[in-house]
């Protein structure tokens, strides 16, 4: 049993198979996109905050 299948074991057989197909398809599409040079989508919106630099860290 795969890790994904074990996580979805509470679902019925049809639902589990459908979810596994969706997950595997999504993973395959993401891997193909990355292989084609795409960058992963940013998961967190940092808003207007600026990145910390060594100069701003030294002042703190």
Protein backbone atom coordinates (compact mmCIF):
# COMPACT_ATOMS: atom_id res chain seq x y z
CA UNK A 1 0.00 0.00 0.00
CA UNK A 2 1.40 3.39 -0.97
CA UNK A 3 1.65 6.28 1.46
CA UNK A 4 -1.10 8.14 -0.37
CA UNK A 5 -3.37 5.10 -0.33
CA UNK A 6 -2.80 4.64 3.39
CA UNK A 7 -3.69 8.28 4.04
CA UNK A 8 -6.91 7.84 2.08
CA UNK A 9 -7.86 4.44 3.54
CA UNK A 10 -11.01 5.81 5.20
CA UNK A 11 -12.48 6.68 1.79
CA UNK A 12 -14.47 4.17 -0.24
CA UNK A 13 -12.65 2.28 -2.99
CA UNK A 14 -14.03 4.43 -5.82
CA UNK A 15 -13.36 7.70 -4.01
CA UNK A 16 -9.86 6.61 -3.01
CA UNK A 17 -9.00 5.56 -6.57
CA UNK A 18 -10.35 8.85 -7.91
CA UNK A 19 -8.37 10.91 -5.36
CA UNK A 20 -5.18 8.93 -6.08
CA UNK A 21 -5.61 9.55 -9.81
CA UNK A 22 -6.08 13.29 -9.23
CA UNK A 23 -3.05 13.50 -6.94
CA UNK A 24 -0.81 11.50 -9.28
CA UNK A 25 -1.92 13.59 -12.27
CA UNK A 26 -1.23 16.81 -10.40
CA UNK A 27 2.22 15.62 -9.33
CA UNK A 28 3.06 14.53 -12.89
CA UNK A 29 1.93 17.90 -14.30
CA UNK A 30 4.02 19.78 -11.72
CA UNK A 31 7.10 17.66 -12.48
CA UNK A 32 6.65 18.21 -16.22
CA UNK A 33 6.30 21.97 -15.69
CA UNK A 34 9.43 22.14 -13.54
CA UNK A 35 11.34 20.04 -16.10
CA UNK A 36 10.22 22.58 -18.70
CA UNK A 37 11.71 25.43 -16.66
CA UNK A 38 8.68 26.65 -14.74
CA UNK A 39 9.21 27.94 -11.22
CA UNK A 40 6.94 26.61 -8.47
CA UNK A 41 4.06 28.90 -7.55
CA UNK A 42 4.69 31.06 -4.49
CA UNK A 43 2.65 29.75 -1.59
CA UNK A 44 2.82 32.77 0.71
CA UNK A 45 1.97 36.36 -0.06
CA UNK A 46 4.57 38.45 1.74
CA UNK A 47 2.74 41.69 0.99
CA UNK A 48 4.74 44.88 1.25
CA UNK A 49 7.34 43.58 3.69
CA UNK A 50 10.88 43.97 2.49
CA UNK A 51 13.42 41.19 2.78
CA UNK A 52 15.85 41.36 5.65
CA UNK A 53 19.38 42.06 4.63
CA UNK A 54 22.58 41.86 6.58
CA UNK A 55 22.55 45.63 6.99
CA UNK A 56 19.06 45.67 8.56
CA UNK A 57 19.88 42.62 10.66
CA UNK A 58 23.01 44.27 12.05
CA UNK A 59 20.97 47.29 13.16
CA UNK A 60 18.50 45.20 15.14
